[in-house]
Protein backbone atom coordinates (compact mmCIF):
# COMPACT_ATOMS: atom_id res chain seq x y z
CA MET A 1 80.44 185.14 134.93
CA SER A 2 81.43 185.10 138.72
CA ARG A 3 84.34 182.63 139.74
CA THR A 4 82.01 180.33 141.33
CA ARG A 5 79.96 179.67 138.49
CA LEU A 6 83.22 179.04 136.24
CA SER A 7 84.35 176.39 138.81
CA GLY A 8 81.27 174.78 138.60
CA PHE A 9 81.49 174.40 134.63
CA ILE A 10 84.74 173.16 134.77
CA ALA A 11 83.97 170.52 137.49
CA LEU A 12 81.11 169.31 134.99
CA ALA A 13 83.58 169.09 132.08
CA VAL A 14 86.24 166.99 134.07
CA LEU A 15 83.29 164.68 135.25
CA ALA A 16 81.83 164.30 131.62
CA VAL A 17 85.48 163.26 130.23
CA GLY A 18 85.99 160.78 133.39
CA VAL A 19 82.66 159.24 132.52
CA ALA A 20 83.55 158.56 128.70
CA ALA A 21 87.28 157.13 129.68
CA LEU A 22 85.50 154.81 131.80
CA ILE A 23 83.28 153.60 129.08
CA LEU A 24 86.08 153.34 126.65
CA LEU A 25 88.02 151.34 128.90
CA ARG A 26 85.18 149.02 129.61
CA HIS A 27 84.26 148.14 126.16
CA GLY A 28 88.03 148.05 125.03
CA GLY A 29 87.46 150.81 122.53
CA GLY A 30 86.81 148.12 119.92
CA GLY A 31 89.72 146.16 120.17
CA GLU A 32 90.58 142.59 120.88
CA ASP A 33 89.06 142.14 123.91
CA ALA A 34 85.64 142.99 122.37
CA ALA A 35 85.81 139.88 120.67
CA ASP A 36 83.57 136.82 120.91
CA PRO A 37 84.93 135.09 124.04
CA THR A 38 83.60 131.50 122.99
CA PRO A 39 86.49 130.01 121.26
CA THR A 40 85.98 127.80 117.95
CA ALA A 41 88.11 125.00 116.77
CA THR A 42 88.79 123.97 113.39
CA VAL A 43 89.23 120.31 112.55
CA THR A 44 88.59 117.93 109.90
CA ALA A 45 85.67 115.15 110.21
CA ALA A 46 84.98 111.68 108.83
CA ARG A 47 82.12 109.43 109.26
CA LEU A 48 82.06 106.30 110.92
CA GLU A 49 81.95 103.30 108.62
CA LYS A 50 79.64 100.00 109.23
CA ARG A 51 81.68 97.28 107.85
CA GLU A 52 82.89 93.58 108.11
CA LEU A 53 85.88 93.63 110.94
CA GLN A 54 88.43 91.12 111.53
CA ASP A 55 88.89 89.64 114.97
CA VAL A 56 92.36 89.79 115.37
CA VAL A 57 95.00 87.88 118.07
CA SER A 58 98.33 89.45 118.47
CA VAL A 59 101.15 86.81 119.53
CA TYR A 60 104.75 86.37 119.34
CA GLY A 61 107.21 84.03 117.62
CA VAL A 62 110.59 83.39 116.27
CA VAL A 63 111.75 82.50 112.73
CA GLN A 64 113.02 79.11 112.32
CA ALA A 65 114.34 77.08 109.49
CA ASP A 66 111.55 75.04 107.59
CA PRO A 67 111.96 71.55 108.63
CA ALA A 68 110.64 70.26 105.30
CA ALA A 69 113.48 72.21 103.58
CA SER A 70 116.40 71.68 105.87
CA ALA A 71 119.45 69.06 105.39
CA THR A 72 121.90 67.58 107.78
CA VAL A 73 125.22 67.31 106.20
CA ALA A 74 126.77 64.14 108.01
CA THR A 75 130.32 62.54 107.72
CA PRO A 76 130.09 59.67 105.28
CA ARG A 77 132.58 57.58 107.38
CA PRO A 78 134.29 57.67 110.84
CA ALA A 79 136.45 60.63 110.16
CA VAL A 80 138.44 63.58 111.95
CA ILE A 81 137.44 67.33 111.11
CA SER A 82 140.33 68.81 109.44
CA ARG A 83 138.67 72.24 108.80
CA VAL A 84 135.40 74.22 109.06
CA PHE A 85 134.92 77.01 106.58
CA VAL A 86 131.57 78.66 107.64
CA ARG A 87 129.84 79.67 110.74
CA ALA A 88 126.24 79.39 111.98
CA GLY A 89 124.15 81.96 110.41
CA GLU A 90 126.29 82.29 107.29
CA PRO A 91 124.65 82.09 103.92
CA VAL A 92 126.40 79.58 101.43
CA SER A 93 125.93 78.76 97.67
CA ALA A 94 125.50 75.47 96.21
CA GLY A 95 128.59 73.71 95.76
CA GLN A 96 130.54 75.73 98.14
CA PRO A 97 133.13 74.05 100.56
CA LEU A 98 131.79 73.71 104.18
CA ALA A 99 134.10 71.48 106.03
CA GLU A 100 137.49 69.17 105.14
CA ILE A 101 137.45 65.65 106.90
CA ALA A 102 140.31 63.07 106.88
CA ASP A 103 140.02 59.46 107.58
CA ALA A 104 140.14 58.46 111.28
CA PRO A 105 142.74 55.68 111.91
CA ALA A 106 140.02 52.85 112.07
CA THR A 107 138.74 53.94 108.62
CA ALA A 108 142.05 53.94 107.15
CA LEU A 109 142.91 50.29 108.72
CA ALA A 110 139.43 49.14 107.21
CA PHE A 111 140.21 50.80 103.96
CA ARG A 112 143.50 48.92 103.80
CA GLN A 113 141.68 45.50 104.75
CA ALA A 114 139.13 45.87 102.22
CA ALA A 115 141.80 46.48 99.57
CA ASP A 116 143.97 43.70 100.53
CA ALA A 117 140.75 41.26 100.72
CA ALA A 118 140.04 42.37 97.09
CA SER A 119 143.40 42.02 96.00
CA PHE A 120 143.68 38.35 97.47
CA ALA A 121 140.22 37.32 96.29
CA GLU A 122 141.34 38.19 92.80
CA SER A 123 144.59 36.37 93.38
CA ASP A 124 142.75 33.36 94.55
CA LEU A 125 140.34 33.35 91.69
CA ALA A 126 142.93 33.00 89.10
CA ARG A 127 144.43 30.00 91.24
CA VAL A 128 141.06 28.05 91.49
CA GLN A 129 140.18 28.94 87.49
CA ARG A 130 143.71 27.35 86.66
CA LEU A 131 142.98 24.35 88.60
CA TYR A 132 139.65 24.02 87.26
CA ASP A 133 140.79 24.20 83.76
CA GLN A 134 143.21 21.31 84.67
CA HIS A 135 140.51 19.40 86.00
CA LEU A 136 141.72 19.64 89.32
CA ALA A 137 139.31 21.77 90.94
CA ALA A 138 135.45 21.27 91.08
CA ASN A 139 132.87 23.81 89.81
CA ASP A 140 131.64 24.66 93.09
CA GLN A 141 134.97 25.63 94.25
CA LEU A 142 135.38 28.13 91.13
CA ILE A 143 131.87 29.46 91.95
CA ALA A 144 132.73 30.01 95.65
CA ALA A 145 136.10 31.92 94.57
CA ARG A 146 134.02 34.08 92.01
CA LYS A 147 131.62 35.07 94.86
CA ALA A 148 134.31 35.85 97.25
CA LEU A 149 135.84 38.24 94.82
CA ALA A 150 132.62 39.87 93.96
CA ASP A 151 132.06 40.25 97.90
CA ALA A 152 135.47 41.67 98.41
CA GLN A 153 135.21 44.19 95.34
CA ALA A 154 131.85 45.36 96.79
CA VAL A 155 132.88 46.20 100.31
CA LEU A 156 136.13 48.12 98.65
CA ALA A 157 133.78 49.95 96.52
CA ALA A 158 131.62 51.23 99.36
CA GLN A 159 134.79 52.36 101.00
CA ARG A 160 135.58 54.43 98.13
CA ALA A 161 132.17 55.64 97.95
CA ALA A 162 132.60 56.93 101.58
CA GLY A 163 135.73 58.75 100.48
CA ALA A 164 138.02 56.09 102.53
CA GLY A 165 141.29 55.87 101.10
CA ALA A 166 141.86 59.60 100.19
CA THR A 167 143.99 62.07 101.89
CA SER A 168 141.21 64.14 102.65
CA GLN A 169 137.60 65.03 101.39
CA MET A 170 135.91 68.27 100.94
CA LEU A 171 132.08 68.23 102.10
CA ARG A 172 130.25 70.78 99.86
CA ALA A 173 126.74 72.54 100.14
CA PRO A 174 124.02 70.41 98.31
CA PHE A 175 122.01 73.73 97.54
CA ALA A 176 121.95 77.38 98.42
CA GLY A 177 121.17 77.88 101.93
CA VAL A 178 121.87 79.19 105.31
CA VAL A 179 124.08 77.35 107.88
CA THR A 180 121.78 77.21 111.04
CA SER A 181 124.16 75.11 113.29
CA ILE A 182 127.29 73.41 113.47
CA ALA A 183 128.06 70.41 115.59
CA ALA A 184 131.71 69.81 115.23
CA ASN A 185 134.97 71.75 115.48
CA PRO A 186 138.27 71.09 113.72
CA GLY A 187 140.16 67.99 115.56
CA ASP A 188 136.65 66.51 116.64
CA ARG A 189 136.49 62.78 115.71
CA LEU A 190 132.92 61.95 114.20
CA ALA A 191 131.43 58.31 113.77
CA GLN A 192 129.80 57.39 110.51
CA ASP A 193 126.74 59.55 109.77
CA ALA A 194 127.12 61.81 112.69
CA ALA A 195 125.75 65.26 112.07
CA LEU A 196 128.50 68.07 111.07
CA LEU A 197 126.22 70.90 110.52
CA THR A 198 122.43 71.86 109.40
CA LEU A 199 121.63 73.67 106.25
CA ALA A 200 118.44 75.43 105.73
CA ARG A 201 117.24 76.06 102.07
CA LEU A 202 117.58 79.81 101.05
CA GLY A 203 114.21 81.70 101.46
CA ALA A 204 112.30 78.67 103.24
CA ALA A 205 111.98 79.98 106.65
CA SER A 206 108.76 79.81 108.97
CA ALA A 207 107.70 81.57 111.65
CA LYS A 208 107.09 79.47 115.07
CA LEU A 209 104.44 81.04 116.95
CA GLY A 210 103.27 80.81 120.34
CA LEU A 211 99.24 80.80 120.58
CA GLU A 212 97.09 81.14 123.59
CA PRO A 213 94.09 79.17 123.63
CA ALA A 214 92.21 81.61 125.70
CA LEU A 215 92.38 84.34 123.21
CA GLY A 216 90.69 82.40 120.31
CA ARG A 217 90.19 79.27 118.08
CA PHE A 218 92.98 78.93 116.06
CA ALA A 219 93.01 76.57 112.71
CA VAL A 220 95.20 75.57 109.88
CA GLY A 221 94.47 78.16 106.80
CA GLN A 222 93.97 81.49 109.01
CA ALA A 223 95.38 84.57 107.66
CA VAL A 224 98.55 85.71 109.50
CA THR A 225 100.57 89.15 109.12
CA ILE A 226 103.89 88.96 110.41
CA ARG A 227 106.40 91.87 111.44
CA PRO A 228 109.96 91.79 112.41
CA VAL A 229 110.33 93.38 115.76
CA THR A 230 113.45 94.99 114.63
CA GLY A 231 111.14 96.60 111.98
CA GLY A 232 110.73 96.06 108.24
CA PRO A 233 107.64 95.37 105.93
CA ALA A 234 104.74 93.30 107.05
CA ILE A 235 104.70 89.51 105.43
CA ALA A 236 101.27 88.29 104.64
CA SER A 237 101.21 84.32 105.23
CA HIS A 238 98.67 81.53 106.94
CA LEU A 239 98.83 78.83 109.61
CA THR A 240 100.12 75.68 108.04
CA VAL A 241 100.65 73.74 111.35
CA VAL A 242 98.76 74.08 114.56
CA GLY A 243 99.74 71.94 117.51
CA GLN A 244 96.75 70.19 119.53
CA ALA A 245 98.83 69.90 122.87
CA PRO A 246 99.93 72.98 124.81
CA ASP A 247 103.72 73.45 125.96
CA PRO A 248 103.80 72.09 129.45
CA ALA A 249 105.96 75.29 130.56
CA THR A 250 104.59 77.96 128.53
CA LYS A 251 101.03 76.62 128.38
CA ALA A 252 101.01 77.91 124.54
CA ILE A 253 99.91 75.98 121.54
CA GLU A 254 103.04 76.04 118.84
CA ALA A 255 101.96 76.99 115.30
CA THR A 256 103.84 77.56 112.07
CA ALA A 257 103.40 79.90 109.38
CA PRO A 258 105.45 79.96 106.03
CA LEU A 259 107.99 83.06 105.33
CA ALA A 260 108.27 82.17 101.55
CA GLY A 261 110.85 84.55 100.14
CA ALA A 262 111.41 86.75 103.12
CA ALA A 263 115.07 87.23 104.15
CA LEU A 264 115.07 86.97 107.82
CA PRO A 265 117.54 85.74 109.99
CA ILE A 266 116.86 82.44 111.71
CA GLY A 267 116.19 83.09 115.27
CA GLY A 268 114.97 86.54 115.07
CA ALA A 269 111.73 87.50 116.71
CA VAL A 270 108.59 88.59 115.19
CA THR A 271 105.22 89.36 116.00
CA ALA A 272 102.23 87.98 114.25
CA ASP A 273 98.37 89.40 113.64
CA VAL A 274 96.44 85.99 113.48
CA VAL A 275 92.81 86.61 112.07
CA THR A 276 90.57 84.09 113.85
CA ALA A 277 87.19 85.45 112.84
CA SER A 278 84.97 88.22 111.47
CA HIS A 279 82.19 90.43 112.49
CA ARG A 280 80.23 93.25 111.55
CA GLY A 281 80.77 96.74 113.65
CA LEU A 282 81.88 100.32 113.56
CA ALA A 283 85.48 101.78 112.36
CA ALA A 284 86.70 105.11 112.94
CA PRO A 285 89.98 106.89 111.93
CA ARG A 286 92.57 105.88 114.24
CA SER A 287 93.59 109.30 114.80
CA ALA A 288 90.04 110.34 115.67
CA VAL A 289 90.08 108.32 119.02
CA VAL A 290 91.61 110.39 121.88
CA PHE A 291 93.38 108.43 124.47
CA ASP A 292 94.17 110.43 127.88
CA GLU A 293 93.60 109.97 131.48
CA THR A 294 89.50 109.90 131.00
CA GLY A 295 89.68 107.29 128.74
CA ALA A 296 89.18 106.55 125.07
CA HIS A 297 86.65 108.82 123.27
CA LEU A 298 85.66 110.32 120.08
CA PHE A 299 84.30 113.69 119.44
CA VAL A 300 80.90 113.46 117.48
CA VAL A 301 80.47 117.00 115.34
CA SER A 302 76.60 117.60 115.57
CA GLY A 303 74.92 121.09 115.44
CA GLY A 304 78.41 122.91 115.15
CA HIS A 305 79.49 121.64 118.48
CA ALA A 306 81.76 118.71 119.58
CA HIS A 307 80.22 116.17 121.99
CA ARG A 308 82.54 113.66 123.54
CA VAL A 309 81.42 109.98 123.49
CA PHE A 310 83.35 107.26 125.59
CA VAL A 311 84.38 104.39 123.53
CA GLN A 312 85.80 100.96 123.71
CA VAL A 313 88.42 100.10 121.06
CA GLY A 314 89.07 96.96 119.16
CA ALA A 315 91.99 95.63 116.80
CA ASN A 316 93.32 97.91 114.09
CA GLN A 317 91.68 97.53 110.65
CA GLY A 318 94.33 99.10 108.36
CA ASP A 319 94.21 102.81 108.72
CA LEU A 320 90.91 102.42 111.03
CA ILE A 321 90.37 101.05 114.44
CA GLU A 322 87.04 99.36 115.82
CA VAL A 323 84.96 101.47 118.13
CA ARG A 324 82.04 100.49 120.39
CA GLY A 325 79.77 102.81 122.43
CA LYS A 326 76.73 105.04 122.14
CA LEU A 327 77.44 106.04 118.47
CA ALA A 328 75.09 106.38 115.75
CA PRO A 329 76.17 104.17 112.51
CA ASP A 330 76.41 107.32 110.41
CA ALA A 331 78.14 109.94 113.12
CA VAL A 332 80.55 112.31 112.28
CA VAL A 333 83.50 112.81 114.15
CA ALA A 334 86.51 115.08 114.60
CA VAL A 335 89.92 113.68 113.29
CA GLU A 336 92.68 116.41 112.65
CA GLY A 337 92.38 118.40 115.78
CA ALA A 338 90.54 116.11 118.05
CA TYR A 339 93.20 116.25 120.79
CA GLU A 340 92.35 120.08 121.02
CA LEU A 341 88.69 119.72 121.72
CA GLN A 342 86.88 119.95 124.95
CA ASP A 343 83.03 118.41 125.38
CA GLY A 344 80.73 121.13 123.99
CA MET A 345 83.39 123.07 122.19
CA ALA A 346 82.29 125.12 118.95
CA VAL A 347 83.84 123.71 115.87
CA ARG A 348 84.25 124.52 112.26
CA VAL A 349 84.94 121.50 109.73
CA ARG A 350 87.69 122.37 107.36
CA PRO A 351 86.95 120.73 104.03
CA GLN A 352 89.20 118.00 102.86
């Protein structure tokens, strides 16, 4: 074979190897690049529910002592506050000392005068009785003397019932409760029946709520779910009082819902969901609704693909949320994995 013909065969062989290598490079040799380029997402799915849904209005409020279960501890007579043993917000048990008081100077003087008047009336009655027995006094004089003694004794008994005449007097809690306010400090002089402190019965608090009339129609008996803003379990209640005139400053209507048995601090802030009405509608799992810059939407799973449907959302319904949009009542929507989907993406539903 000539050298020229040998060179031609070599050139053809090199060309064939190059073509084969190019084909292998383009097809990836059957490696990862040869896989189907269309991504498929795996999700869980749930069917929309057509059900009775609640119209809920969310408001704010504050915990207050229930006015029907509160009592004011007052000074039974003009007195000087010697000591105060409790502080506002402190729980107390029935019979626990709250404060110690002593007679004001005027109280001590009034008690001494009442005691002296009773002693004098008793002596005078004895004198008139002797004269009457000797036929030296008339019957009406004896009756007047007896009445004067009875009146003097009644005044003295009233003074003693108010605690006058004692060196000091201890004021005690009439029931187990929480001190909601204190109106006096040691050394203060208070008039008779002046408020010393206010006591709310333990476990008898209520929530004072501010209702916006424009948000719905509110009425006594409507169900309320109350939650402390600091966290904690929800409290089921209902409206017991709904005001008829809005507050001039806030324009809100004041309402009350009892917190029976709830150990919430007086003055603590709460949120409340008031059920004002109900209606029929569609509900979806809350995690099925995607919130992003495009707006709230669901992914309806149909024909192996996810189709985005924009929706309006309503109030939470437990683990569900109300949705409104172009949705079939029995539509199947993606739940877990919904945030990873794109419109038209192929999906595979994972069995639950």
